[in-house]
Amino acid sequence: MKNHLGLIYAMSAYLWWGIIPIFWKQLDHIPSMEIVAHRMVWAALIVVALIVSMKEWKAFVAVFKDKVTLLRLCAASLLVMTNWAIFIWAVNNDHIVETSLGYFINPLISVFFGLIFFGETLRKGQSLALLLAAFGVLVMIVATGGVPIVSLSLAITFALYSVMKKKVSLPATHGLAIETLFTLLPAAAYLLFLDVQGTGSFAHDAQSSIMLILGGLFTLIPLLLFAAAAKRVSMTALGMTQYLGPTCQLLIGVLIYNEPFGSTELLAFGFIWFALAIYSVDQLKAQSERRKARKLASA
């Protein structure tokens, strides 16, 4: 039952991330940086309120004594803010298909960063998957005459964010609170500046104002679902469900917002999907071998 509930949490988190472009698309009349600033402010206020309501304030405050953790979370904060800004700009400028490509290749970029930052070794399946993914990106570059900057930027910033988070052991709410608190003052100052200039969107349109506040809440919900899932299921199970997000984004971009998806995109995505299939099979095989090794060791 525990594993089933964990899988439900994981699928819910990734489905949430997959359909969220529909929400942000409703705010495409607002500049992307203003949306990101609101997202940081409201996420910070909501998650801090949650920590207080859960009576975790003392444990949360204690984190501020650890300078190394704070430095890593500061770096994570800058990375996630950059990722959010790119994602929201892309969604609101008709590049949802490109965002899906970024999150499809993100697991493979993470494998590459594991090699660089943590000295991890690549299995044959992982090496082949990386080569196929790189070839898929190359196909897109050659066919379109340009680098898929949105896709690569999203994949790289989120993979680097994961590197920073891997080095920090904190509850999801505490980590997110500190990350958003780092940018709370500059984000609030920016929004105040916009309001003084008369160009801010908040409080001028009730629907947009409510949606900007909800943006902070909708940032928190999938992260809490993911944290709950991570405690109940294996990393392999989490890895298998993570493709739900970019799959939903791709379908939304093509079927709902009529973004182009021709033979070039199909060929590039095809190489990347093939790479992900190899990567997934390799992950399952590796987990099976680890289970067998543990059984032999305990026999």
C-alpha atoms as a PDB file:
ATOM      1  CA  MET A   1       0.000   0.000   0.000  1.00  0.00           C
ATOM      2  CA  LYS A   2       2.896   2.325   0.849  1.00  0.00           C
ATOM      3  CA  ASN A   3       4.445   1.862  -2.603  1.00  0.00           C
ATOM      4  CA  HIS A   4       1.098   2.292  -4.365  1.00  0.00           C
ATOM      5  CA  LEU A   5       0.453   5.552  -2.492  1.00  0.00           C
ATOM      6  CA  GLY A   6       3.979   6.745  -3.306  1.00  0.00           C
ATOM      7  CA  LEU A   7       3.434   6.027  -6.995  1.00  0.00           C
ATOM      8  CA  ILE A   8       0.187   8.000  -6.906  1.00  0.00           C
ATOM      9  CA  TYR A   9       2.033  10.933  -5.320  1.00  0.00           C
ATOM     10  CA  ALA A  10       4.801  10.737  -7.950  1.00  0.00           C
ATOM     11  CA  MET A  11       2.386  10.558 -10.889  1.00  0.00           C
ATOM     12  CA  SER A  12       0.349  13.423  -9.437  1.00  0.00           C
ATOM     13  CA  ALA A  13       3.460  15.607  -9.087  1.00  0.00           C
ATOM     14  CA  TYR A  14       4.641  15.002 -12.648  1.00  0.00           C
ATOM     15  CA  LEU A  15       1.159  15.342 -14.119  1.00  0.00           C
ATOM     16  CA  TRP A  16       0.832  18.652 -12.278  1.00  0.00           C
ATOM     17  CA  TRP A  17       4.125  19.846 -13.768  1.00  0.00           C
ATOM     18  CA  GLY A  18       2.954  18.573 -17.145  1.00  0.00           C
ATOM     19  CA  ILE A  19      -0.314  20.517 -17.309  1.00  0.00           C
ATOM     20  CA  ILE A  20       0.881  23.700 -15.554  1.00  0.00           C
ATOM     21  CA  PRO A  21       1.624  25.423 -18.913  1.00  0.00           C
ATOM     22  CA  ILE A  22      -2.147  25.807 -19.336  1.00  0.00           C
ATOM     23  CA  PHE A  23      -2.219  27.834 -16.110  1.00  0.00           C
ATOM     24  CA  TRP A  24       0.741  30.080 -17.010  1.00  0.00           C
ATOM     25  CA  LYS A  25      -0.652  30.578 -20.511  1.00  0.00           C
ATOM     26  CA  GLN A  26      -3.581  32.458 -18.956  1.00  0.00           C
ATOM     27  CA  LEU A  27      -1.082  35.060 -17.760  1.00  0.00           C
ATOM     28  CA  ASP A  28       0.654  35.636 -21.100  1.00  0.00           C
ATOM     29  CA  HIS A  29      -0.437  39.299 -21.008  1.00  0.00           C
ATOM     30  CA  ILE A  30       1.931  39.837 -18.058  1.00  0.00           C
ATOM     31  CA  PRO A  31       5.737  40.098 -18.573  1.00  0.00           C
ATOM     32  CA  SER A  32       7.536  36.882 -17.656  1.00  0.00           C
ATOM     33  CA  MET A  33       9.849  38.494 -15.080  1.00  0.00           C
ATOM     34  CA  GLU A  34       6.888  40.004 -13.264  1.00  0.00           C
ATOM     35  CA  ILE A  35       5.241  36.568 -13.104  1.00  0.00           C
ATOM     36  CA  VAL A  36       8.460  35.013 -11.773  1.00  0.00           C
ATOM     37  CA  ALA A  37       8.784  37.737  -9.126  1.00  0.00           C
ATOM     38  CA  HIS A  38       5.221  37.093  -7.953  1.00  0.00           C
ATOM     39  CA  ARG A  39       5.898  33.361  -7.987  1.00  0.00           C
ATOM     40  CA  MET A  40       8.913  33.810  -5.698  1.00  0.00           C
ATOM     41  CA  VAL A  41       7.117  36.192  -3.314  1.00  0.00           C
ATOM     42  CA  TRP A  42       3.920  34.186  -2.905  1.00  0.00           C
ATOM     43  CA  ALA A  43       5.708  30.828  -2.771  1.00  0.00           C
ATOM     44  CA  ALA A  44       7.937  32.190   0.022  1.00  0.00           C
ATOM     45  CA  LEU A  45       5.023  33.540   2.061  1.00  0.00           C
ATOM     46  CA  ILE A  46       2.902  30.409   1.618  1.00  0.00           C
ATOM     47  CA  VAL A  47       5.674  27.922   2.442  1.00  0.00           C
ATOM     48  CA  VAL A  48       6.786  29.903   5.516  1.00  0.00           C
ATOM     49  CA  ALA A  49       3.168  29.990   6.705  1.00  0.00           C
ATOM     50  CA  LEU A  50       3.017  26.227   6.162  1.00  0.00           C
ATOM     51  CA  ILE A  51       6.187  25.686   8.210  1.00  0.00           C
ATOM     52  CA  VAL A  52       4.745  27.766  11.058  1.00  0.00           C
ATOM     53  CA  SER A  53       1.417  25.887  10.928  1.00  0.00           C
ATOM     54  CA  MET A  54       3.303  22.551  11.058  1.00  0.00           C
ATOM     55  CA  LYS A  55       5.199  23.807  14.148  1.00  0.00           C
ATOM     56  CA  GLU A  56       8.569  23.338  12.424  1.00  0.00           C
ATOM     57  CA  TRP A  57       9.768  26.912  12.916  1.00  0.00           C
ATOM     58  CA  LYS A  58      12.593  26.098  15.359  1.00  0.00           C
ATOM     59  CA  ALA A  59      14.006  23.375  13.105  1.00  0.00           C
ATOM     60  CA  PHE A  60      13.711  25.707  10.133  1.00  0.00           C
ATOM     61  CA  VAL A  61      15.526  28.600  11.842  1.00  0.00           C
ATOM     62  CA  ALA A  62      18.316  26.225  12.888  1.00  0.00           C
ATOM     63  CA  VAL A  63      19.225  25.734   9.222  1.00  0.00           C
ATOM     64  CA  PHE A  64      20.464  29.344   9.066  1.00  0.00           C
ATOM     65  CA  LYS A  65      23.392  28.404  11.308  1.00  0.00           C
ATOM     66  CA  ASP A  66      24.823  26.149   8.603  1.00  0.00           C
ATOM     67  CA  LYS A  67      26.696  28.491   6.238  1.00  0.00           C
ATOM     68  CA  VAL A  68      27.639  25.773   3.755  1.00  0.00           C
ATOM     69  CA  THR A  69      24.000  24.685   3.387  1.00  0.00           C
ATOM     70  CA  LEU A  70      22.908  28.298   2.966  1.00  0.00           C
ATOM     71  CA  LEU A  71      25.508  28.879   0.251  1.00  0.00           C
ATOM     72  CA  ARG A  72      24.318  25.817  -1.660  1.00  0.00           C
ATOM     73  CA  LEU A  73      20.695  26.865  -1.292  1.00  0.00           C
ATOM     74  CA  CYS A  74      21.587  30.354  -2.501  1.00  0.00           C
ATOM     75  CA  ALA A  75      23.064  28.817  -5.660  1.00  0.00           C
ATOM     76  CA  ALA A  76      19.985  26.580  -5.962  1.00  0.00           C
ATOM     77  CA  SER A  77      17.775  29.643  -5.602  1.00  0.00           C
ATOM     78  CA  LEU A  78      19.461  31.449  -8.495  1.00  0.00           C
ATOM     79  CA  LEU A  79      19.254  28.330 -10.659  1.00  0.00           C
ATOM     80  CA  VAL A  80      15.586  27.617  -9.987  1.00  0.00           C
ATOM     81  CA  MET A  81      14.669  31.282 -10.507  1.00  0.00           C
ATOM     82  CA  THR A  82      16.452  31.192 -13.873  1.00  0.00           C
ATOM     83  CA  ASN A  83      14.693  27.931 -14.744  1.00  0.00           C
ATOM     84  CA  TRP A  84      11.297  29.366 -13.837  1.00  0.00           C
ATOM     85  CA  ALA A  85      11.942  32.536 -15.843  1.00  0.00           C
ATOM     86  CA  ILE A  86      12.946  30.575 -18.964  1.00  0.00           C
ATOM     87  CA  PHE A  87       9.996  28.190 -18.589  1.00  0.00           C
ATOM     88  CA  ILE A  88       7.360  30.899 -18.152  1.00  0.00           C
ATOM     89  CA  TRP A  89       8.798  32.993 -20.995  1.00  0.00           C
ATOM     90  CA  ALA A  90       8.823  29.922 -23.249  1.00  0.00           C
ATOM     91  CA  VAL A  91       5.251  28.914 -22.392  1.00  0.00           C
ATOM     92  CA  ASN A  92       3.900  32.410 -22.949  1.00  0.00           C
ATOM     93  CA  ASN A  93       5.807  32.834 -26.222  1.00  0.00           C
ATOM     94  CA  ASP A  94       4.615  29.602 -27.897  1.00  0.00           C
ATOM     95  CA  HIS A  95       7.605  27.371 -27.129  1.00  0.00           C
ATOM     96  CA  ILE A  96       5.878  24.681 -25.063  1.00  0.00           C
ATOM     97  CA  VAL A  97       7.194  21.917 -27.352  1.00  0.00           C
ATOM     98  CA  GLU A  98      10.734  23.172 -26.686  1.00  0.00           C
ATOM     99  CA  THR A  99      10.117  23.078 -22.922  1.00  0.00           C
ATOM    100  CA  SER A 100       9.047  19.449 -23.237  1.00  0.00           C
ATOM    101  CA  LEU A 101      12.268  18.647 -25.101  1.00  0.00           C
ATOM    102  CA  GLY A 102      14.241  20.248 -22.281  1.00  0.00           C
ATOM    103  CA  TYR A 103      12.617  18.092 -19.626  1.00  0.00           C
ATOM    104  CA  PHE A 104      12.932  14.960 -21.762  1.00  0.00           C
ATOM    105  CA  ILE A 105      16.712  15.397 -21.972  1.00  0.00           C
ATOM    106  CA  ASN A 106      17.057  16.576 -18.358  1.00  0.00           C
ATOM    107  CA  PRO A 107      17.598  13.033 -16.908  1.00  0.00           C
ATOM    108  CA  LEU A 108      20.421  12.451 -19.370  1.00  0.00           C
ATOM    109  CA  ILE A 109      22.035  15.812 -18.552  1.00  0.00           C
ATOM    110  CA  SER A 110      21.791  14.819 -14.886  1.00  0.00           C
ATOM    111  CA  VAL A 111      23.648  11.572 -15.649  1.00  0.00           C
ATOM    112  CA  PHE A 112      26.379  13.617 -17.366  1.00  0.00           C
ATOM    113  CA  PHE A 113      26.635  15.979 -14.377  1.00  0.00           C
ATOM    114  CA  GLY A 114      26.845  12.975 -12.053  1.00  0.00           C
ATOM    115  CA  LEU A 115      29.945  11.998 -13.997  1.00  0.00           C
ATOM    116  CA  ILE A 116      31.447  15.479 -13.674  1.00  0.00           C
ATOM    117  CA  PHE A 117      30.506  16.516 -10.132  1.00  0.00           C
ATOM    118  CA  PHE A 118      30.254  13.244  -8.244  1.00  0.00           C
ATOM    119  CA  GLY A 119      32.754  11.029 -10.056  1.00  0.00           C
ATOM    120  CA  GLU A 120      30.038   8.563 -11.025  1.00  0.00           C
ATOM    121  CA  THR A 121      30.847   6.052 -13.740  1.00  0.00           C
ATOM    122  CA  LEU A 122      28.706   5.527 -16.808  1.00  0.00           C
ATOM    123  CA  ARG A 123      27.336   2.118 -17.654  1.00  0.00           C
ATOM    124  CA  LYS A 124      27.255   1.160 -21.339  1.00  0.00           C
ATOM    125  CA  GLY A 125      23.523   1.800 -21.537  1.00  0.00           C
ATOM    126  CA  GLN A 126      23.918   5.277 -20.055  1.00  0.00           C
ATOM    127  CA  SER A 127      26.762   6.141 -22.448  1.00  0.00           C
ATOM    128  CA  LEU A 128      24.712   5.018 -25.455  1.00  0.00           C
ATOM    129  CA  ALA A 129      21.691   7.002 -24.214  1.00  0.00           C
ATOM    130  CA  LEU A 130      23.794  10.170 -23.884  1.00  0.00           C
ATOM    131  CA  LEU A 131      25.193   9.757 -27.396  1.00  0.00           C
ATOM    132  CA  LEU A 132      21.739   9.223 -28.907  1.00  0.00           C
ATOM    133  CA  ALA A 133      20.323  12.253 -27.056  1.00  0.00           C
ATOM    134  CA  ALA A 134      23.251  14.389 -28.234  1.00  0.00           C
ATOM    135  CA  PHE A 135      22.624  13.201 -31.799  1.00  0.00           C
ATOM    136  CA  GLY A 136      18.943  14.132 -31.452  1.00  0.00           C
ATOM    137  CA  VAL A 137      19.888  17.665 -30.414  1.00  0.00           C
ATOM    138  CA  LEU A 138      22.394  17.808 -33.280  1.00  0.00           C
ATOM    139  CA  VAL A 139      19.653  16.831 -35.730  1.00  0.00           C
ATOM    140  CA  MET A 140      17.575  19.773 -34.536  1.00  0.00           C
ATOM    141  CA  ILE A 141      20.537  22.162 -34.785  1.00  0.00           C
ATOM    142  CA  VAL A 142      21.358  21.095 -38.353  1.00  0.00           C
ATOM    143  CA  ALA A 143      17.733  21.060 -39.520  1.00  0.00           C
ATOM    144  CA  THR A 144      16.688  24.379 -37.978  1.00  0.00           C
ATOM    145  CA  GLY A 145      20.006  26.196 -38.246  1.00  0.00           C
ATOM    146  CA  GLY A 146      19.944  27.120 -34.585  1.00  0.00           C
ATOM    147  CA  VAL A 147      20.660  25.694 -31.143  1.00  0.00           C
ATOM    148  CA  PRO A 148      17.521  24.766 -29.117  1.00  0.00           C
ATOM    149  CA  ILE A 149      18.483  27.302 -26.448  1.00  0.00           C
ATOM    150  CA  VAL A 150      15.236  27.039 -24.484  1.00  0.00           C
ATOM    151  CA  SER A 151      15.438  23.248 -24.242  1.00  0.00           C
ATOM    152  CA  LEU A 152      19.118  23.121 -23.294  1.00  0.00           C
ATOM    153  CA  SER A 153      18.799  26.018 -20.834  1.00  0.00           C
ATOM    154  CA  LEU A 154      15.902  24.349 -19.025  1.00  0.00           C
ATOM    155  CA  ALA A 155      17.682  20.984 -18.919  1.00  0.00           C
ATOM    156  CA  ILE A 156      21.016  22.401 -17.744  1.00  0.00           C
ATOM    157  CA  THR A 157      19.638  24.794 -15.095  1.00  0.00           C
ATOM    158  CA  PHE A 158      17.385  22.114 -13.599  1.00  0.00           C
ATOM    159  CA  ALA A 159      20.175  19.515 -13.648  1.00  0.00           C
ATOM    160  CA  LEU A 160      22.514  21.977 -11.895  1.00  0.00           C
ATOM    161  CA  TYR A 161      19.719  22.738  -9.427  1.00  0.00           C
ATOM    162  CA  SER A 162      19.497  19.009  -8.728  1.00  0.00           C
ATOM    163  CA  VAL A 163      23.271  18.920  -8.153  1.00  0.00           C
ATOM    164  CA  MET A 164      22.946  21.642  -5.505  1.00  0.00           C
ATOM    165  CA  LYS A 165      19.959  19.922  -3.884  1.00  0.00           C
ATOM    166  CA  LYS A 166      21.740  16.565  -3.823  1.00  0.00           C
ATOM    167  CA  LYS A 167      24.296  18.076  -1.465  1.00  0.00           C
ATOM    168  CA  VAL A 168      21.603  19.357   0.918  1.00  0.00           C
ATOM    169  CA  SER A 169      19.573  17.144   3.247  1.00  0.00           C
ATOM    170  CA  LEU A 170      16.490  19.117   4.267  1.00  0.00           C
ATOM    171  CA  PRO A 171      12.704  18.683   4.206  1.00  0.00           C
ATOM    172  CA  ALA A 172      11.253  19.927   0.913  1.00  0.00           C
ATOM    173  CA  THR A 173       9.375  22.765   2.623  1.00  0.00           C
ATOM    174  CA  HIS A 174      12.485  24.031   4.421  1.00  0.00           C
ATOM    175  CA  GLY A 175      14.619  23.962   1.297  1.00  0.00           C
ATOM    176  CA  LEU A 176      12.014  25.714  -0.835  1.00  0.00           C
ATOM    177  CA  ALA A 177      11.396  28.328   1.872  1.00  0.00           C
ATOM    178  CA  ILE A 178      15.069  29.266   2.061  1.00  0.00           C
ATOM    179  CA  GLU A 179      15.440  29.259  -1.733  1.00  0.00           C
ATOM    180  CA  THR A 180      12.504  31.635  -2.163  1.00  0.00           C
ATOM    181  CA  LEU A 181      13.484  33.794   0.840  1.00  0.00           C
ATOM    182  CA  PHE A 182      16.825  34.515  -0.841  1.00  0.00           C
ATOM    183  CA  THR A 183      14.954  36.230  -3.662  1.00  0.00           C
ATOM    184  CA  LEU A 184      12.018  37.585  -1.633  1.00  0.00           C
ATOM    185  CA  LEU A 185      13.419  41.088  -1.066  1.00  0.00           C
ATOM    186  CA  PRO A 186      14.688  41.720  -4.624  1.00  0.00           C
ATOM    187  CA  ALA A 187      11.484  40.238  -6.082  1.00  0.00           C
ATOM    188  CA  ALA A 188       9.303  42.365  -3.773  1.00  0.00           C
ATOM    189  CA  ALA A 189      11.407  45.460  -4.547  1.00  0.00           C
ATOM    190  CA  TYR A 190      10.999  44.823  -8.285  1.00  0.00           C
ATOM    191  CA  LEU A 191       7.228  44.471  -7.926  1.00  0.00           C
ATOM    192  CA  LEU A 192       7.081  47.657  -5.829  1.00  0.00           C
ATOM    193  CA  PHE A 193       9.090  49.476  -8.499  1.00  0.00           C
ATOM    194  CA  LEU A 194       6.621  48.314 -11.169  1.00  0.00           C
ATOM    195  CA  ASP A 195       3.717  49.479  -9.036  1.00  0.00           C
ATOM    196  CA  VAL A 196       5.284  52.919  -8.477  1.00  0.00           C
ATOM    197  CA  GLN A 197       5.909  53.207 -12.217  1.00  0.00           C
ATOM    198  CA  GLY A 198       2.291  52.287 -12.852  1.00  0.00           C
ATOM    199  CA  THR A 199       3.231  49.280 -14.989  1.00  0.00           C
ATOM    200  CA  GLY A 200       2.549  46.523 -12.460  1.00  0.00           C
ATOM    201  CA  SER A 201      -0.283  44.089 -13.074  1.00  0.00           C
ATOM    202  CA  PHE A 202      -1.197  43.225  -9.479  1.00  0.00           C
ATOM    203  CA  ALA A 203      -4.388  44.693  -7.951  1.00  0.00           C
ATOM    204  CA  HIS A 204      -5.494  46.127 -11.304  1.00  0.00           C
ATOM    205  CA  ASP A 205      -7.242  42.994 -12.512  1.00  0.00           C
ATOM    206  CA  ALA A 206      -8.872  40.724  -9.908  1.00  0.00           C
ATOM    207  CA  GLN A 207      -8.568  37.527 -11.964  1.00  0.00           C
ATOM    208  CA  SER A 208      -4.882  38.079 -12.788  1.00  0.00           C
ATOM    209  CA  SER A 209      -4.110  39.043  -9.178  1.00  0.00           C
ATOM    210  CA  ILE A 210      -5.703  35.861  -7.836  1.00  0.00           C
ATOM    211  CA  MET A 211      -3.858  33.747 -10.414  1.00  0.00           C
ATOM    212  CA  LEU A 212      -0.520  35.358  -9.502  1.00  0.00           C
ATOM    213  CA  ILE A 213      -1.100  34.408  -5.860  1.00  0.00           C
ATOM    214  CA  LEU A 214      -2.161  30.896  -6.878  1.00  0.00           C
ATOM    215  CA  GLY A 215       1.094  30.646  -8.830  1.00  0.00           C
ATOM    216  CA  GLY A 216       2.936  30.524  -5.512  1.00  0.00           C
ATOM    217  CA  LEU A 217       0.643  27.793  -4.205  1.00  0.00           C
ATOM    218  CA  PHE A 218       0.857  25.805  -7.432  1.00  0.00           C
ATOM    219  CA  THR A 219       4.647  25.961  -7.161  1.00  0.00           C
ATOM    220  CA  LEU A 220       4.509  24.327  -3.733  1.00  0.00           C
ATOM    221  CA  ILE A 221       1.926  21.568  -4.311  1.00  0.00           C
ATOM    222  CA  PRO A 222       3.869  19.366  -6.790  1.00  0.00           C
ATOM    223  CA  LEU A 223       7.057  19.734  -4.733  1.00  0.00           C
ATOM    224  CA  LEU A 224       5.264  18.442  -1.639  1.00  0.00           C
ATOM    225  CA  LEU A 225       3.745  15.586  -3.652  1.00  0.00           C
ATOM    226  CA  PHE A 226       7.202  14.732  -5.000  1.00  0.00           C
ATOM    227  CA  ALA A 227       8.747  14.831  -1.521  1.00  0.00           C
ATOM    228  CA  ALA A 228       6.030  12.487  -0.231  1.00  0.00           C
ATOM    229  CA  ALA A 229       6.632  10.147  -3.180  1.00  0.00           C
ATOM    230  CA  ALA A 230      10.403  10.088  -2.682  1.00  0.00           C
ATOM    231  CA  LYS A 231       9.926   8.695   0.836  1.00  0.00           C
ATOM    232  CA  ARG A 232       7.761   5.816  -0.380  1.00  0.00           C
ATOM    233  CA  VAL A 233       9.099   4.597  -3.730  1.00  0.00           C
ATOM    234  CA  SER A 234      12.477   3.826  -5.261  1.00  0.00           C
ATOM    235  CA  MET A 235      14.449   6.324  -7.349  1.00  0.00           C
ATOM    236  CA  THR A 236      13.885   4.030 -10.342  1.00  0.00           C
ATOM    237  CA  ALA A 237      10.116   4.304  -9.906  1.00  0.00           C
ATOM    238  CA  LEU A 238      10.434   8.076  -9.674  1.00  0.00           C
ATOM    239  CA  GLY A 239      12.555   8.026 -12.816  1.00  0.00           C
ATOM    240  CA  MET A 240       9.964   6.041 -14.736  1.00  0.00           C
ATOM    241  CA  THR A 241       7.182   8.504 -13.890  1.00  0.00           C
ATOM    242  CA  GLN A 242       9.154  11.689 -14.633  1.00  0.00           C
ATOM    243  CA  TYR A 243       8.401  11.422 -18.367  1.00  0.00           C
ATOM    244  CA  LEU A 244       4.729  12.119 -17.690  1.00  0.00           C
ATOM    245  CA  GLY A 245       5.506  15.823 -17.303  1.00  0.00           C
ATOM    246  CA  PRO A 246       7.217  16.524 -20.637  1.00  0.00           C
ATOM    247  CA  THR A 247       4.810  14.150 -22.438  1.00  0.00           C
ATOM    248  CA  CYS A 248       1.871  16.234 -21.230  1.00  0.00           C
ATOM    249  CA  GLN A 249       3.702  19.436 -22.190  1.00  0.00           C
ATOM    250  CA  LEU A 250       4.355  18.113 -25.689  1.00  0.00           C
ATOM    251  CA  LEU A 251       0.718  17.091 -26.185  1.00  0.00           C
ATOM    252  CA  ILE A 252      -0.520  20.433 -24.842  1.00  0.00           C
ATOM    253  CA  GLY A 253       1.812  22.402 -27.109  1.00  0.00           C
ATOM    254  CA  VAL A 254       0.856  20.477 -30.241  1.00  0.00           C
ATOM    255  CA  LEU A 255      -2.817  19.640 -29.680  1.00  0.00           C
ATOM    256  CA  ILE A 256      -4.075  22.637 -27.700  1.00  0.00           C
ATOM    257  CA  TYR A 257      -1.850  25.513 -28.802  1.00  0.00           C
ATOM    258  CA  ASN A 258      -1.058  24.245 -32.322  1.00  0.00           C
ATOM    259  CA  GLU A 259       2.703  24.607 -32.036  1.00  0.00           C
ATOM    260  CA  PRO A 260       4.605  23.125 -35.011  1.00  0.00           C
ATOM    261  CA  PHE A 261       5.751  19.529 -34.764  1.00  0.00           C
ATOM    262  CA  GLY A 262       6.939  18.353 -38.159  1.00  0.00           C
ATOM    263  CA  SER A 263       9.333  15.721 -39.444  1.00  0.00           C
ATOM    264  CA  THR A 264      12.398  17.516 -38.042  1.00  0.00           C
ATOM    265  CA  GLU A 265      10.991  17.625 -34.514  1.00  0.00           C
ATOM    266  CA  LEU A 266       9.767  14.045 -34.824  1.00  0.00           C
ATOM    267  CA  LEU A 267      13.222  12.824 -35.882  1.00  0.00           C
ATOM    268  CA  ALA A 268      14.991  14.743 -33.091  1.00  0.00           C
ATOM    269  CA  PHE A 269      12.484  13.652 -30.460  1.00  0.00           C
ATOM    270  CA  GLY A 270      12.683  10.097 -31.827  1.00  0.00           C
ATOM    271  CA  PHE A 271      16.396   9.865 -31.051  1.00  0.00           C
ATOM    272  CA  ILE A 272      15.808  11.306 -27.584  1.00  0.00           C
ATOM    273  CA  TRP A 273      12.891   8.956 -26.865  1.00  0.00           C
ATOM    274  CA  PHE A 274      15.037   6.034 -27.986  1.00  0.00           C
ATOM    275  CA  ALA A 275      17.809   7.289 -25.696  1.00  0.00           C
ATOM    276  CA  LEU A 276      15.361   7.501 -22.790  1.00  0.00           C
ATOM    277  CA  ALA A 277      14.113   3.974 -23.483  1.00  0.00           C
ATOM    278  CA  ILE A 278      17.680   2.653 -23.312  1.00  0.00           C
ATOM    279  CA  TYR A 279      18.330   4.718 -20.178  1.00  0.00           C
ATOM    280  CA  SER A 280      15.172   3.388 -18.500  1.00  0.00           C
ATOM    281  CA  VAL A 281      15.940  -0.256 -19.338  1.00  0.00           C
ATOM    282  CA  ASP A 282      19.476   0.254 -18.045  1.00  0.00           C
ATOM    283  CA  GLN A 283      18.110   1.702 -14.784  1.00  0.00           C
ATOM    284  CA  LEU A 284      15.745  -1.228 -14.290  1.00  0.00           C
ATOM    285  CA  LYS A 285      18.507  -3.732 -15.046  1.00  0.00           C
ATOM    286  CA  ALA A 286      20.898  -2.032 -12.614  1.00  0.00           C
ATOM    287  CA  GLN A 287      18.281  -2.047  -9.852  1.00  0.00           C
ATOM    288  CA  SER A 288      17.580  -5.737 -10.456  1.00  0.00           C
ATOM    289  CA  GLU A 289      21.293  -6.538 -10.211  1.00  0.00           C
ATOM    290  CA  ARG A 290      21.574  -4.588  -6.953  1.00  0.00           C
ATOM    291  CA  ARG A 291      18.651  -6.517  -5.482  1.00  0.00           C
ATOM    292  CA  LYS A 292      20.275  -9.831  -6.448  1.00  0.00           C
ATOM    293  CA  ALA A 293      23.585  -8.717  -4.925  1.00  0.00           C
ATOM    294  CA  ARG A 294      21.860  -7.791  -1.653  1.00  0.00           C
ATOM    295  CA  LYS A 295      20.100 -11.155  -1.513  1.00  0.00           C
ATOM    296  CA  LEU A 296      23.381 -12.996  -2.066  1.00  0.00           C
ATOM    297  CA  ALA A 297      25.088 -10.897   0.577  1.00  0.00           C
ATOM    298  CA  SER A 298      22.372 -11.615   3.149  1.00  0.00           C
ATOM    299  CA  ALA A 299      22.172 -15.337   2.339  1.00  0.00           C
END
